[in-house]
Full PDB file with SEQRES, HELIX, SHEET, SSBOND, CRYST1, ORIGX, SCALE, CONECT and MASTER records, all heavy atoms in Angstrom:
SEQRES   1 A   42  LEU THR ARG ARG HIS LEU GLU SER ASP GLY ARG PHE ASN          
SEQRES   2 A   42  THR TYR THR ARG GLU GLY LEU PRO PRO THR PRO ILE ALA          
SEQRES   3 A   42  MET PRO GLY GLN ALA ALA LEU TYR ALA SER LEU HIS PRO          
SEQRES   4 A   42  ALA THR THR                                                  
HELIX    1 AA1 ARG A    3  GLU A    7  1                                   5    
HELIX    2 AA2 GLN A   30  LEU A   37  1                                   8    
CRYST1    1.000    1.000    1.000  90.00  90.00  90.00 P 1           1          
ORIGX1      1.000000  0.000000  0.000000        0.00000                         
ORIGX2      0.000000  1.000000  0.000000        0.00000                         
ORIGX3      0.000000  0.000000  1.000000        0.00000                         
SCALE1      1.000000  0.000000  0.000000        0.00000                         
SCALE2      0.000000  1.000000  0.000000        0.00000                         
SCALE3      0.000000  0.000000  1.000000        0.00000                         
ATOM      1  N   LEU A   1     -14.874   4.856  -4.365  1.00  0.00           N  
ATOM      2  CA  LEU A   1     -13.849   5.628  -3.567  1.00  0.00           C  
ATOM      3  C   LEU A   1     -13.942   7.083  -3.974  1.00  0.00           C  
ATOM      4  O   LEU A   1     -13.831   7.429  -5.187  1.00  0.00           O  
ATOM      5  CB  LEU A   1     -12.406   5.091  -3.943  1.00  0.00           C  
ATOM      6  CG  LEU A   1     -11.342   5.571  -3.028  1.00  0.00           C  
ATOM      7  CD1 LEU A   1     -11.547   5.089  -1.561  1.00  0.00           C  
ATOM      8  CD2 LEU A   1     -10.013   5.045  -3.488  1.00  0.00           C  
ATOM      9  N   THR A   2     -14.136   7.960  -3.005  1.00  0.00           N  
ATOM     10  CA  THR A   2     -14.365   9.379  -3.240  1.00  0.00           C  
ATOM     11  C   THR A   2     -13.204  10.166  -2.715  1.00  0.00           C  
ATOM     12  O   THR A   2     -12.396   9.720  -1.924  1.00  0.00           O  
ATOM     13  CB  THR A   2     -15.698   9.785  -2.545  1.00  0.00           C  
ATOM     14  OG1 THR A   2     -15.575   9.752  -1.180  1.00  0.00           O  
ATOM     15  CG2 THR A   2     -16.897   8.935  -3.052  1.00  0.00           C  
ATOM     16  N   ARG A   3     -13.231  11.524  -3.085  1.00  0.00           N  
ATOM     17  CA  ARG A   3     -12.214  12.402  -2.589  1.00  0.00           C  
ATOM     18  C   ARG A   3     -12.313  12.470  -1.051  1.00  0.00           C  
ATOM     19  O   ARG A   3     -11.320  12.628  -0.383  1.00  0.00           O  
ATOM     20  CB  ARG A   3     -12.421  13.766  -3.154  1.00  0.00           C  
ATOM     21  CG  ARG A   3     -11.332  14.821  -2.802  1.00  0.00           C  
ATOM     22  CD  ARG A   3     -11.559  16.155  -3.448  1.00  0.00           C  
ATOM     23  NE  ARG A   3     -11.058  15.873  -4.883  1.00  0.00           N  
ATOM     24  CZ  ARG A   3      -9.778  15.890  -5.346  1.00  0.00           C  
ATOM     25  NH1 ARG A   3      -8.751  16.028  -4.477  1.00  0.00           N  
ATOM     26  NH2 ARG A   3      -9.601  15.720  -6.652  1.00  0.00           N  
ATOM     27  N   ARG A   4     -13.563  12.450  -0.528  1.00  0.00           N  
ATOM     28  CA  ARG A   4     -13.733  12.484   0.944  1.00  0.00           C  
ATOM     29  C   ARG A   4     -13.004  11.310   1.599  1.00  0.00           C  
ATOM     30  O   ARG A   4     -12.325  11.441   2.700  1.00  0.00           O  
ATOM     31  CB  ARG A   4     -15.202  12.369   1.272  1.00  0.00           C  
ATOM     32  CG  ARG A   4     -15.501  12.439   2.832  1.00  0.00           C  
ATOM     33  CD  ARG A   4     -16.966  12.570   3.031  1.00  0.00           C  
ATOM     34  NE  ARG A   4     -17.714  11.461   2.422  1.00  0.00           N  
ATOM     35  CZ  ARG A   4     -17.917  10.259   2.935  1.00  0.00           C  
ATOM     36  NH1 ARG A   4     -17.406   9.959   4.118  1.00  0.00           N  
ATOM     37  NH2 ARG A   4     -18.534   9.306   2.290  1.00  0.00           N  
ATOM     38  N   HIS A   5     -13.055  10.151   1.030  1.00  0.00           N  
ATOM     39  CA  HIS A   5     -12.346   9.026   1.484  1.00  0.00           C  
ATOM     40  C   HIS A   5     -10.794   9.244   1.506  1.00  0.00           C  
ATOM     41  O   HIS A   5     -10.095   8.825   2.508  1.00  0.00           O  
ATOM     42  CB  HIS A   5     -12.619   7.706   0.674  1.00  0.00           C  
ATOM     43  CG  HIS A   5     -14.014   7.204   0.840  1.00  0.00           C  
ATOM     44  ND1 HIS A   5     -14.798   6.861  -0.265  1.00  0.00           N  
ATOM     45  CD2 HIS A   5     -14.842   7.046   1.935  1.00  0.00           C  
ATOM     46  CE1 HIS A   5     -15.952   6.446   0.191  1.00  0.00           C  
ATOM     47  NE2 HIS A   5     -16.000   6.610   1.456  1.00  0.00           N  
ATOM     48  N   LEU A   6     -10.291   9.847   0.436  1.00  0.00           N  
ATOM     49  CA  LEU A   6      -8.900  10.017   0.287  1.00  0.00           C  
ATOM     50  C   LEU A   6      -8.388  10.990   1.260  1.00  0.00           C  
ATOM     51  O   LEU A   6      -7.222  10.991   1.639  1.00  0.00           O  
ATOM     52  CB  LEU A   6      -8.520  10.388  -1.161  1.00  0.00           C  
ATOM     53  CG  LEU A   6      -8.972   9.405  -2.267  1.00  0.00           C  
ATOM     54  CD1 LEU A   6      -8.504   9.896  -3.620  1.00  0.00           C  
ATOM     55  CD2 LEU A   6      -8.267   8.065  -2.010  1.00  0.00           C  
ATOM     56  N   GLU A   7      -9.201  11.972   1.586  1.00  0.00           N  
ATOM     57  CA  GLU A   7      -8.872  13.116   2.512  1.00  0.00           C  
ATOM     58  C   GLU A   7      -8.993  12.774   3.982  1.00  0.00           C  
ATOM     59  O   GLU A   7      -8.557  13.573   4.829  1.00  0.00           O  
ATOM     60  CB  GLU A   7      -9.495  14.405   2.062  1.00  0.00           C  
ATOM     61  CG  GLU A   7      -9.124  14.809   0.745  1.00  0.00           C  
ATOM     62  CD  GLU A   7      -9.853  16.067   0.229  1.00  0.00           C  
ATOM     63  OE1 GLU A   7     -10.883  16.418   0.877  1.00  0.00           O  
ATOM     64  OE2 GLU A   7      -9.462  16.734  -0.790  1.00  0.00           O  
ATOM     65  N   SER A   8      -9.829  11.765   4.283  1.00  0.00           N  
ATOM     66  CA  SER A   8     -10.046  11.371   5.625  1.00  0.00           C  
ATOM     67  C   SER A   8      -9.002  10.548   6.230  1.00  0.00           C  
ATOM     68  O   SER A   8      -8.718   9.404   5.753  1.00  0.00           O  
ATOM     69  CB  SER A   8     -11.475  10.654   5.684  1.00  0.00           C  
ATOM     70  OG  SER A   8     -11.762  10.280   7.032  1.00  0.00           O  
ATOM     71  N   ASP A   9      -8.335  11.028   7.206  1.00  0.00           N  
ATOM     72  CA  ASP A   9      -7.114  10.421   7.722  1.00  0.00           C  
ATOM     73  C   ASP A   9      -7.509   9.056   8.428  1.00  0.00           C  
ATOM     74  O   ASP A   9      -8.471   8.900   9.087  1.00  0.00           O  
ATOM     75  CB  ASP A   9      -6.374  11.269   8.758  1.00  0.00           C  
ATOM     76  CG  ASP A   9      -5.066  10.655   9.177  1.00  0.00           C  
ATOM     77  OD1 ASP A   9      -4.364  10.025   8.313  1.00  0.00           O  
ATOM     78  OD2 ASP A   9      -4.736  10.780  10.449  1.00  0.00           O  
ATOM     79  N   GLY A  10      -6.609   8.077   8.289  1.00  0.00           N  
ATOM     80  CA  GLY A  10      -6.764   6.839   8.975  1.00  0.00           C  
ATOM     81  C   GLY A  10      -5.529   6.041   8.864  1.00  0.00           C  
ATOM     82  O   GLY A  10      -4.559   6.379   8.052  1.00  0.00           O  
ATOM     83  N   ARG A  11      -5.360   4.940   9.519  1.00  0.00           N  
ATOM     84  CA  ARG A  11      -4.157   4.132   9.722  1.00  0.00           C  
ATOM     85  C   ARG A  11      -3.708   3.622   8.311  1.00  0.00           C  
ATOM     86  O   ARG A  11      -2.465   3.417   8.072  1.00  0.00           O  
ATOM     87  CB  ARG A  11      -4.292   3.004  10.665  1.00  0.00           C  
ATOM     88  CG  ARG A  11      -4.513   3.433  12.120  1.00  0.00           C  
ATOM     89  CD  ARG A  11      -4.917   2.240  12.962  1.00  0.00           C  
ATOM     90  NE  ARG A  11      -3.823   1.187  13.084  1.00  0.00           N  
ATOM     91  CZ  ARG A  11      -4.026  -0.091  12.854  1.00  0.00           C  
ATOM     92  NH1 ARG A  11      -5.222  -0.491  12.471  1.00  0.00           N  
ATOM     93  NH2 ARG A  11      -3.040  -0.959  12.899  1.00  0.00           N  
ATOM     94  N   PHE A  12      -4.681   3.292   7.449  1.00  0.00           N  
ATOM     95  CA  PHE A  12      -4.382   2.734   6.143  1.00  0.00           C  
ATOM     96  C   PHE A  12      -4.520   3.713   5.007  1.00  0.00           C  
ATOM     97  O   PHE A  12      -4.405   3.372   3.878  1.00  0.00           O  
ATOM     98  CB  PHE A  12      -5.325   1.504   5.921  1.00  0.00           C  
ATOM     99  CG  PHE A  12      -4.938   0.351   6.737  1.00  0.00           C  
ATOM    100  CD1 PHE A  12      -5.496   0.191   8.027  1.00  0.00           C  
ATOM    101  CD2 PHE A  12      -4.112  -0.629   6.321  1.00  0.00           C  
ATOM    102  CE1 PHE A  12      -5.225  -0.886   8.826  1.00  0.00           C  
ATOM    103  CE2 PHE A  12      -3.742  -1.707   7.134  1.00  0.00           C  
ATOM    104  CZ  PHE A  12      -4.281  -1.857   8.439  1.00  0.00           C  
ATOM    105  N   ASN A  13      -4.691   4.987   5.279  1.00  0.00           N  
ATOM    106  CA  ASN A  13      -4.769   5.984   4.226  1.00  0.00           C  
ATOM    107  C   ASN A  13      -3.352   6.497   3.866  1.00  0.00           C  
ATOM    108  O   ASN A  13      -2.746   7.276   4.533  1.00  0.00           O  
ATOM    109  CB  ASN A  13      -5.618   7.205   4.754  1.00  0.00           C  
ATOM    110  CG  ASN A  13      -5.978   8.121   3.594  1.00  0.00           C  
ATOM    111  OD1 ASN A  13      -5.303   8.157   2.580  1.00  0.00           O  
ATOM    112  ND2 ASN A  13      -7.044   8.927   3.666  1.00  0.00           N  
ATOM    113  N   THR A  14      -2.859   5.891   2.740  1.00  0.00           N  
ATOM    114  CA  THR A  14      -1.590   6.245   2.279  1.00  0.00           C  
ATOM    115  C   THR A  14      -1.536   7.557   1.573  1.00  0.00           C  
ATOM    116  O   THR A  14      -0.468   7.910   0.952  1.00  0.00           O  
ATOM    117  CB  THR A  14      -1.033   5.104   1.387  1.00  0.00           C  
ATOM    118  OG1 THR A  14      -2.025   4.814   0.424  1.00  0.00           O  
ATOM    119  CG2 THR A  14      -0.753   3.884   2.215  1.00  0.00           C  
ATOM    120  N   TYR A  15      -2.618   8.202   1.461  1.00  0.00           N  
ATOM    121  CA  TYR A  15      -2.687   9.560   0.855  1.00  0.00           C  
ATOM    122  C   TYR A  15      -2.426  10.680   1.959  1.00  0.00           C  
ATOM    123  O   TYR A  15      -1.914  11.738   1.668  1.00  0.00           O  
ATOM    124  CB  TYR A  15      -4.038   9.888   0.264  1.00  0.00           C  
ATOM    125  CG  TYR A  15      -4.282   9.255  -1.068  1.00  0.00           C  
ATOM    126  CD1 TYR A  15      -4.652   7.912  -1.184  1.00  0.00           C  
ATOM    127  CD2 TYR A  15      -4.064   9.951  -2.266  1.00  0.00           C  
ATOM    128  CE1 TYR A  15      -4.868   7.272  -2.392  1.00  0.00           C  
ATOM    129  CE2 TYR A  15      -4.259   9.359  -3.505  1.00  0.00           C  
ATOM    130  CZ  TYR A  15      -4.641   8.079  -3.560  1.00  0.00           C  
ATOM    131  OH  TYR A  15      -4.854   7.445  -4.759  1.00  0.00           O  
ATOM    132  N   THR A  16      -2.701  10.258   3.214  1.00  0.00           N  
ATOM    133  CA  THR A  16      -2.510  11.300   4.273  1.00  0.00           C  
ATOM    134  C   THR A  16      -1.283  10.817   5.205  1.00  0.00           C  
ATOM    135  O   THR A  16      -0.823  11.668   5.985  1.00  0.00           O  
ATOM    136  CB  THR A  16      -3.684  11.353   5.224  1.00  0.00           C  
ATOM    137  OG1 THR A  16      -4.009  10.024   5.751  1.00  0.00           O  
ATOM    138  CG2 THR A  16      -4.953  11.770   4.349  1.00  0.00           C  
ATOM    139  N   ARG A  17      -0.863   9.563   5.092  1.00  0.00           N  
ATOM    140  CA  ARG A  17       0.218   9.122   5.935  1.00  0.00           C  
ATOM    141  C   ARG A  17       1.376   8.548   5.105  1.00  0.00           C  
ATOM    142  O   ARG A  17       1.194   8.064   3.992  1.00  0.00           O  
ATOM    143  CB  ARG A  17      -0.257   8.028   6.901  1.00  0.00           C  
ATOM    144  CG  ARG A  17      -1.338   8.501   7.797  1.00  0.00           C  
ATOM    145  CD  ARG A  17      -1.561   7.630   8.983  1.00  0.00           C  
ATOM    146  NE  ARG A  17      -2.629   8.092   9.839  1.00  0.00           N  
ATOM    147  CZ  ARG A  17      -2.766   7.611  11.131  1.00  0.00           C  
ATOM    148  NH1 ARG A  17      -2.044   6.750  11.623  1.00  0.00           N  
ATOM    149  NH2 ARG A  17      -3.777   8.101  11.836  1.00  0.00           N  
ATOM    150  N   GLU A  18       2.589   8.845   5.616  1.00  0.00           N  
ATOM    151  CA  GLU A  18       3.786   8.435   4.857  1.00  0.00           C  
ATOM    152  C   GLU A  18       4.163   6.983   5.191  1.00  0.00           C  
ATOM    153  O   GLU A  18       3.739   6.382   6.217  1.00  0.00           O  
ATOM    154  CB  GLU A  18       4.946   9.289   5.298  1.00  0.00           C  
ATOM    155  CG  GLU A  18       4.807  10.741   4.908  1.00  0.00           C  
ATOM    156  CD  GLU A  18       5.914  11.625   5.340  1.00  0.00           C  
ATOM    157  OE1 GLU A  18       6.893  11.070   6.061  1.00  0.00           O  
ATOM    158  OE2 GLU A  18       5.914  12.927   5.076  1.00  0.00           O  
ATOM    159  N   GLY A  19       4.873   6.365   4.283  1.00  0.00           N  
ATOM    160  CA  GLY A  19       5.385   5.071   4.533  1.00  0.00           C  
ATOM    161  C   GLY A  19       4.324   3.946   4.169  1.00  0.00           C  
ATOM    162  O   GLY A  19       3.263   4.211   3.635  1.00  0.00           O  
ATOM    163  N   LEU A  20       4.718   2.785   4.649  1.00  0.00           N  
ATOM    164  CA  LEU A  20       3.742   1.636   4.493  1.00  0.00           C  
ATOM    165  C   LEU A  20       2.574   1.666   5.450  1.00  0.00           C  
ATOM    166  O   LEU A  20       2.714   2.149   6.482  1.00  0.00           O  
ATOM    167  CB  LEU A  20       4.558   0.347   4.632  1.00  0.00           C  
ATOM    168  CG  LEU A  20       5.638   0.001   3.638  1.00  0.00           C  
ATOM    169  CD1 LEU A  20       6.635  -1.026   4.160  1.00  0.00           C  
ATOM    170  CD2 LEU A  20       5.156  -0.307   2.209  1.00  0.00           C  
ATOM    171  N   PRO A  21       1.506   0.983   5.052  1.00  0.00           N  
ATOM    172  CA  PRO A  21       0.422   0.808   6.063  1.00  0.00           C  
ATOM    173  C   PRO A  21       0.911  -0.101   7.229  1.00  0.00           C  
ATOM    174  O   PRO A  21       1.965  -0.757   7.038  1.00  0.00           O  
ATOM    175  CB  PRO A  21      -0.705   0.169   5.278  1.00  0.00           C  
ATOM    176  CG  PRO A  21      -0.062  -0.396   4.110  1.00  0.00           C  
ATOM    177  CD  PRO A  21       1.118   0.483   3.771  1.00  0.00           C  
ATOM    178  N   PRO A  22       0.175  -0.106   8.337  1.00  0.00           N  
ATOM    179  CA  PRO A  22       0.699  -0.838   9.487  1.00  0.00           C  
ATOM    180  C   PRO A  22       0.758  -2.386   9.398  1.00  0.00           C  
ATOM    181  O   PRO A  22       1.458  -3.068  10.000  1.00  0.00           O  
ATOM    182  CB  PRO A  22      -0.220  -0.422  10.608  1.00  0.00           C  
ATOM    183  CG  PRO A  22      -1.461  -0.006   9.920  1.00  0.00           C  
ATOM    184  CD  PRO A  22      -1.034   0.604   8.637  1.00  0.00           C  
ATOM    185  N   THR A  23      -0.134  -2.937   8.493  1.00  0.00           N  
ATOM    186  CA  THR A  23      -0.182  -4.394   8.289  1.00  0.00           C  
ATOM    187  C   THR A  23      -0.403  -4.639   6.757  1.00  0.00           C  
ATOM    188  O   THR A  23      -0.712  -3.724   5.998  1.00  0.00           O  
ATOM    189  CB  THR A  23      -1.342  -5.016   9.022  1.00  0.00           C  
ATOM    190  OG1 THR A  23      -2.641  -4.701   8.356  1.00  0.00           O  
ATOM    191  CG2 THR A  23      -1.393  -4.585  10.497  1.00  0.00           C  
ATOM    192  N   PRO A  24      -0.207  -5.878   6.290  1.00  0.00           N  
ATOM    193  CA  PRO A  24      -0.537  -6.110   4.875  1.00  0.00           C  
ATOM    194  C   PRO A  24      -2.075  -5.888   4.753  1.00  0.00           C  
ATOM    195  O   PRO A  24      -2.817  -5.858   5.742  1.00  0.00           O  
ATOM    196  CB  PRO A  24      -0.267  -7.686   4.791  1.00  0.00           C  
ATOM    197  CG  PRO A  24       0.765  -7.955   5.833  1.00  0.00           C  
ATOM    198  CD  PRO A  24       0.410  -7.012   7.024  1.00  0.00           C  
ATOM    199  N   ILE A  25      -2.487  -5.730   3.575  1.00  0.00           N  
ATOM    200  CA  ILE A  25      -3.885  -5.568   3.200  1.00  0.00           C  
ATOM    201  C   ILE A  25      -4.511  -6.654   2.492  1.00  0.00           C  
ATOM    202  O   ILE A  25      -5.701  -6.729   2.181  1.00  0.00           O  
ATOM    203  CB  ILE A  25      -4.170  -4.198   2.365  1.00  0.00           C  
ATOM    204  CG1 ILE A  25      -3.441  -4.395   1.001  1.00  0.00           C  
ATOM    205  CG2 ILE A  25      -3.607  -2.964   3.182  1.00  0.00           C  
ATOM    206  CD1 ILE A  25      -3.854  -3.320   0.049  1.00  0.00           C  
ATOM    207  N   ALA A  26      -3.718  -7.774   2.263  1.00  0.00           N  
ATOM    208  CA  ALA A  26      -4.216  -8.967   1.489  1.00  0.00           C  
ATOM    209  C   ALA A  26      -3.100  -9.991   1.594  1.00  0.00           C  
ATOM    210  O   ALA A  26      -2.018  -9.754   2.236  1.00  0.00           O  
ATOM    211  CB  ALA A  26      -4.475  -8.603   0.030  1.00  0.00           C  
ATOM    212  N   MET A  27      -3.395 -11.218   1.059  1.00  0.00           N  
ATOM    213  CA  MET A  27      -2.430 -12.266   1.053  1.00  0.00           C  
ATOM    214  C   MET A  27      -1.695 -12.296  -0.317  1.00  0.00           C  
ATOM    215  O   MET A  27      -2.298 -12.656  -1.320  1.00  0.00           O  
ATOM    216  CB  MET A  27      -3.230 -13.566   1.299  1.00  0.00           C  
ATOM    217  CG  MET A  27      -3.854 -13.588   2.653  1.00  0.00           C  
ATOM    218  SD  MET A  27      -4.785 -15.019   2.865  1.00  0.00           S  
ATOM    219  CE  MET A  27      -5.946 -14.459   4.141  1.00  0.00           C  
ATOM    220  N   PRO A  28      -0.425 -11.902  -0.343  1.00  0.00           N  
ATOM    221  CA  PRO A  28       0.216 -11.881  -1.559  1.00  0.00           C  
ATOM    222  C   PRO A  28       0.753 -13.273  -1.974  1.00  0.00           C  
ATOM    223  O   PRO A  28       1.071 -14.113  -1.099  1.00  0.00           O  
ATOM    224  CB  PRO A  28       1.494 -10.964  -1.319  1.00  0.00           C  
ATOM    225  CG  PRO A  28       1.695 -11.123   0.155  1.00  0.00           C  
ATOM    226  CD  PRO A  28       0.327 -11.328   0.828  1.00  0.00           C  
ATOM    227  N   GLY A  29       0.784 -13.558  -3.227  1.00  0.00           N  
ATOM    228  CA  GLY A  29       1.294 -14.786  -3.774  1.00  0.00           C  
ATOM    229  C   GLY A  29       2.777 -14.756  -3.953  1.00  0.00           C  
ATOM    230  O   GLY A  29       3.462 -13.709  -3.746  1.00  0.00           O  
ATOM    231  N   GLN A  30       3.427 -15.875  -4.449  1.00  0.00           N  
ATOM    232  CA  GLN A  30       4.817 -15.974  -4.639  1.00  0.00           C  
ATOM    233  C   GLN A  30       5.314 -14.878  -5.567  1.00  0.00           C  
ATOM    234  O   GLN A  30       6.346 -14.282  -5.432  1.00  0.00           O  
ATOM    235  CB  GLN A  30       5.181 -17.371  -5.168  1.00  0.00           C  
ATOM    236  CG  GLN A  30       6.692 -17.595  -5.263  1.00  0.00           C  
ATOM    237  CD  GLN A  30       7.340 -17.645  -3.938  1.00  0.00           C  
ATOM    238  OE1 GLN A  30       6.889 -18.227  -3.018  1.00  0.00           O  
ATOM    239  NE2 GLN A  30       8.419 -16.990  -3.800  1.00  0.00           N  
ATOM    240  N   ALA A  31       4.618 -14.664  -6.720  1.00  0.00           N  
ATOM    241  CA  ALA A  31       4.981 -13.686  -7.688  1.00  0.00           C  
ATOM    242  C   ALA A  31       5.067 -12.278  -7.157  1.00  0.00           C  
ATOM    243  O   ALA A  31       6.015 -11.479  -7.424  1.00  0.00           O  
ATOM    244  CB  ALA A  31       4.148 -13.709  -8.949  1.00  0.00           C  
ATOM    245  N   ALA A  32       4.124 -11.862  -6.316  1.00  0.00           N  
ATOM    246  CA  ALA A  32       4.152 -10.577  -5.702  1.00  0.00           C  
ATOM    247  C   ALA A  32       5.232 -10.486  -4.753  1.00  0.00           C  
ATOM    248  O   ALA A  32       5.874  -9.383  -4.562  1.00  0.00           O  
ATOM    249  CB  ALA A  32       2.712 -10.235  -5.044  1.00  0.00           C  
ATOM    250  N   LEU A  33       5.508 -11.468  -3.910  1.00  0.00           N  
ATOM    251  CA  LEU A  33       6.685 -11.541  -3.010  1.00  0.00           C  
ATOM    252  C   LEU A  33       7.987 -11.299  -3.768  1.00  0.00           C  
ATOM    253  O   LEU A  33       8.756 -10.515  -3.358  1.00  0.00           O  
ATOM    254  CB  LEU A  33       6.746 -12.831  -2.214  1.00  0.00           C  
ATOM    255  CG  LEU A  33       5.748 -13.012  -1.096  1.00  0.00           C  
ATOM    256  CD1 LEU A  33       5.836 -14.479  -0.577  1.00  0.00           C  
ATOM    257  CD2 LEU A  33       5.904 -12.083   0.039  1.00  0.00           C  
ATOM    258  N   TYR A  34       8.117 -11.971  -4.845  1.00  0.00           N  
ATOM    259  CA  TYR A  34       9.346 -11.927  -5.649  1.00  0.00           C  
ATOM    260  C   TYR A  34       9.487 -10.545  -6.222  1.00  0.00           C  
ATOM    261  O   TYR A  34      10.562  -9.927  -6.184  1.00  0.00           O  
ATOM    262  CB  TYR A  34       9.446 -12.998  -6.736  1.00  0.00           C  
ATOM    263  CG  TYR A  34      10.691 -12.974  -7.513  1.00  0.00           C  
ATOM    264  CD1 TYR A  34      11.792 -13.645  -7.086  1.00  0.00           C  
ATOM    265  CD2 TYR A  34      10.817 -12.176  -8.627  1.00  0.00           C  
ATOM    266  CE1 TYR A  34      13.009 -13.601  -7.808  1.00  0.00           C  
ATOM    267  CE2 TYR A  34      12.014 -12.077  -9.349  1.00  0.00           C  
ATOM    268  CZ  TYR A  34      13.101 -12.799  -8.936  1.00  0.00           C  
ATOM    269  OH  TYR A  34      14.310 -12.795  -9.624  1.00  0.00           O  
ATOM    270  N   ALA A  35       8.449  -9.943  -6.883  1.00  0.00           N  
ATOM    271  CA  ALA A  35       8.495  -8.670  -7.545  1.00  0.00           C  
ATOM    272  C   ALA A  35       8.848  -7.563  -6.484  1.00  0.00           C  
ATOM    273  O   ALA A  35       9.585  -6.627  -6.786  1.00  0.00           O  
ATOM    274  CB  ALA A  35       7.149  -8.361  -8.193  1.00  0.00           C  
ATOM    275  N   SER A  36       8.302  -7.673  -5.269  1.00  0.00           N  
ATOM    276  CA  SER A  36       8.489  -6.627  -4.230  1.00  0.00           C  
ATOM    277  C   SER A  36       9.992  -6.653  -3.763  1.00  0.00           C  
ATOM    278  O   SER A  36      10.437  -5.577  -3.395  1.00  0.00           O  
ATOM    279  CB  SER A  36       7.553  -6.901  -3.047  1.00  0.00           C  
ATOM    280  OG  SER A  36       6.187  -6.792  -3.548  1.00  0.00           O  
ATOM    281  N   LEU A  37      10.612  -7.768  -3.823  1.00  0.00           N  
ATOM    282  CA  LEU A  37      11.973  -7.880  -3.336  1.00  0.00           C  
ATOM    283  C   LEU A  37      12.976  -7.870  -4.426  1.00  0.00           C  
ATOM    284  O   LEU A  37      14.202  -7.857  -4.310  1.00  0.00           O  
ATOM    285  CB  LEU A  37      12.123  -9.111  -2.465  1.00  0.00           C  
ATOM    286  CG  LEU A  37      11.359  -8.934  -1.053  1.00  0.00           C  
ATOM    287  CD1 LEU A  37      11.365 -10.285  -0.334  1.00  0.00           C  
ATOM    288  CD2 LEU A  37      12.038  -7.897  -0.198  1.00  0.00           C  
ATOM    289  N   HIS A  38      12.429  -7.894  -5.742  1.00  0.00           N  
ATOM    290  CA  HIS A  38      13.246  -7.742  -6.880  1.00  0.00           C  
ATOM    291  C   HIS A  38      12.615  -6.791  -7.900  1.00  0.00           C  
ATOM    292  O   HIS A  38      12.265  -7.222  -8.985  1.00  0.00           O  
ATOM    293  CB  HIS A  38      13.541  -9.052  -7.613  1.00  0.00           C  
ATOM    294  CG  HIS A  38      14.259 -10.077  -6.715  1.00  0.00           C  
ATOM    295  ND1 HIS A  38      13.576 -10.862  -5.743  1.00  0.00           N  
ATOM    296  CD2 HIS A  38      15.587 -10.372  -6.571  1.00  0.00           C  
ATOM    297  CE1 HIS A  38      14.472 -11.611  -5.164  1.00  0.00           C  
ATOM    298  NE2 HIS A  38      15.769 -11.291  -5.684  1.00  0.00           N  
ATOM    299  N   PRO A  39      12.390  -5.617  -7.483  1.00  0.00           N  
ATOM    300  CA  PRO A  39      11.644  -4.621  -8.462  1.00  0.00           C  
ATOM    301  C   PRO A  39      12.419  -4.362  -9.667  1.00  0.00           C  
ATOM    302  O   PRO A  39      13.690  -4.486  -9.650  1.00  0.00           O  
ATOM    303  CB  PRO A  39      11.426  -3.367  -7.543  1.00  0.00           C  
ATOM    304  CG  PRO A  39      12.582  -3.464  -6.559  1.00  0.00           C  
ATOM    305  CD  PRO A  39      12.846  -4.927  -6.280  1.00  0.00           C  
ATOM    306  N   ALA A  40      11.715  -3.949 -10.685  1.00  0.00           N  
ATOM    307  CA  ALA A  40      12.405  -3.408 -11.912  1.00  0.00           C  
ATOM    308  C   ALA A  40      13.081  -2.120 -11.568  1.00  0.00           C  
ATOM    309  O   ALA A  40      12.667  -1.409 -10.628  1.00  0.00           O  
ATOM    310  CB  ALA A  40      11.315  -3.248 -13.044  1.00  0.00           C  
ATOM    311  N   THR A  41      14.148  -1.836 -12.252  1.00  0.00           N  
ATOM    312  CA  THR A  41      14.846  -0.583 -12.075  1.00  0.00           C  
ATOM    313  C   THR A  41      14.220   0.450 -13.126  1.00  0.00           C  
ATOM    314  O   THR A  41      14.463   0.284 -14.311  1.00  0.00           O  
ATOM    315  CB  THR A  41      16.326  -0.720 -12.370  1.00  0.00           C  
ATOM    316  OG1 THR A  41      16.907  -1.663 -11.443  1.00  0.00           O  
ATOM    317  CG2 THR A  41      17.059   0.641 -12.183  1.00  0.00           C  
ATOM    318  N   THR A  42      13.428   1.331 -12.628  1.00  0.00           N  
ATOM    319  CA  THR A  42      12.705   2.337 -13.466  1.00  0.00           C  
ATOM    320  C   THR A  42      12.777   3.657 -12.828  1.00  0.00           C  
ATOM    321  O   THR A  42      13.073   3.853 -11.575  1.00  0.00           O  
ATOM    322  CB  THR A  42      11.303   1.962 -13.663  1.00  0.00           C  
ATOM    323  OG1 THR A  42      10.512   2.273 -12.505  1.00  0.00           O  
ATOM    324  CG2 THR A  42      11.132   0.442 -13.988  1.00  0.00           C  
TER     325      THR A  42                                                      
MASTER        0    0    0    2    0    0    0    6  324    1    0    4          
END                                                                             
């Protein structure tokens, strides 16, 4: 992954676009689902 990749705009480039990407990028397991909806307070 290079700086050129990070600066090149695209639908999944979270460096150039705000918010979440348009779709999931992988299949999350139960632990990731739970952590995302019960994040630590930090």
